[in-house]
Amino acid sequence: MANPVVDADLCVGCGLCAQVCSDVFEMGAEGVAVVIDGANVDEDCVQDAVDQCPVGAISA
């Protein structure tokens, strides 16, 4: 799996990804999700975040 990417233009800042996969995603200063630098990417965790994002802002 490639590193996850958050499309900041699509992200609505609901924070679900950060709740579902807090080792990989956090809410940034702009109020949108960001991928944590150097995060240990857990494929199952990231896939859960991709699947649950209400606006499809996460790709992996």
Protein backbone atom coordinates (compact mmCIF):
# COMPACT_ATOMS: atom_id res chain seq x y z
CA MET A 1 0.00 0.00 0.00
CA ALA A 2 1.26 3.46 -0.87
CA ASN A 3 1.40 6.14 1.78
CA PRO A 4 -2.03 7.65 2.39
CA VAL A 5 -2.81 11.12 1.08
CA VAL A 6 -5.48 13.54 2.27
CA ASP A 7 -6.99 15.86 -0.34
CA ALA A 8 -7.23 19.09 1.69
CA ASP A 9 -9.68 20.57 -0.82
CA LEU A 10 -12.15 17.73 -0.18
CA CYS A 11 -11.59 17.26 3.56
CA VAL A 12 -14.38 18.76 5.70
CA GLY A 13 -12.48 18.33 8.96
CA CYS A 14 -14.85 15.89 10.64
CA GLY A 15 -11.91 14.12 12.32
CA LEU A 16 -13.20 10.60 11.76
CA CYS A 17 -9.92 9.42 10.23
CA ALA A 18 -7.99 10.70 13.25
CA GLN A 19 -10.37 8.80 15.53
CA VAL A 20 -10.25 5.58 13.49
CA CYS A 21 -6.52 5.65 12.75
CA SER A 22 -4.79 8.03 15.17
CA ASP A 23 -1.35 6.53 14.50
CA VAL A 24 -1.49 7.81 10.92
CA PHE A 25 -3.87 10.82 10.82
CA GLU A 26 -4.24 13.95 12.90
CA MET A 27 -6.14 17.18 12.54
CA GLY A 28 -3.88 19.94 11.26
CA ALA A 29 -3.83 23.61 12.16
CA GLU A 30 -5.97 24.39 9.11
CA GLY A 31 -8.77 22.20 10.47
CA VAL A 32 -8.27 19.43 7.95
CA ALA A 33 -6.75 16.00 8.36
CA VAL A 34 -3.08 15.43 7.66
CA VAL A 35 -0.88 12.35 7.54
CA ILE A 36 1.54 12.30 10.46
CA ASP A 37 5.14 12.61 9.25
CA GLY A 38 7.00 9.35 9.75
CA ALA A 39 3.84 7.46 10.72
CA ASN A 40 4.05 3.69 10.79
CA VAL A 41 1.37 2.96 8.19
CA ASP A 42 -0.95 0.14 9.26
CA GLU A 43 -2.71 -0.92 6.04
CA ASP A 44 -5.88 -2.14 7.80
CA CYS A 45 -6.14 1.03 9.84
CA VAL A 46 -5.64 3.26 6.79
CA GLN A 47 -8.19 1.27 4.81
CA ASP A 48 -10.73 1.79 7.60
CA ALA A 49 -10.11 5.54 7.41
CA VAL A 50 -10.44 5.50 3.60
CA ASP A 51 -13.68 3.54 3.81
CA GLN A 52 -15.19 5.73 6.53
CA CYS A 53 -14.25 9.16 5.18
CA PRO A 54 -17.64 10.76 4.41
CA VAL A 55 -16.28 12.81 1.49
CA GLY A 56 -13.69 10.43 0.04
CA ALA A 57 -10.79 12.76 0.80
CA ILE A 58 -8.31 9.98 1.61
CA SER A 59 -6.51 7.84 -0.92
CA ALA A 60 -3.88 5.20 -0.41
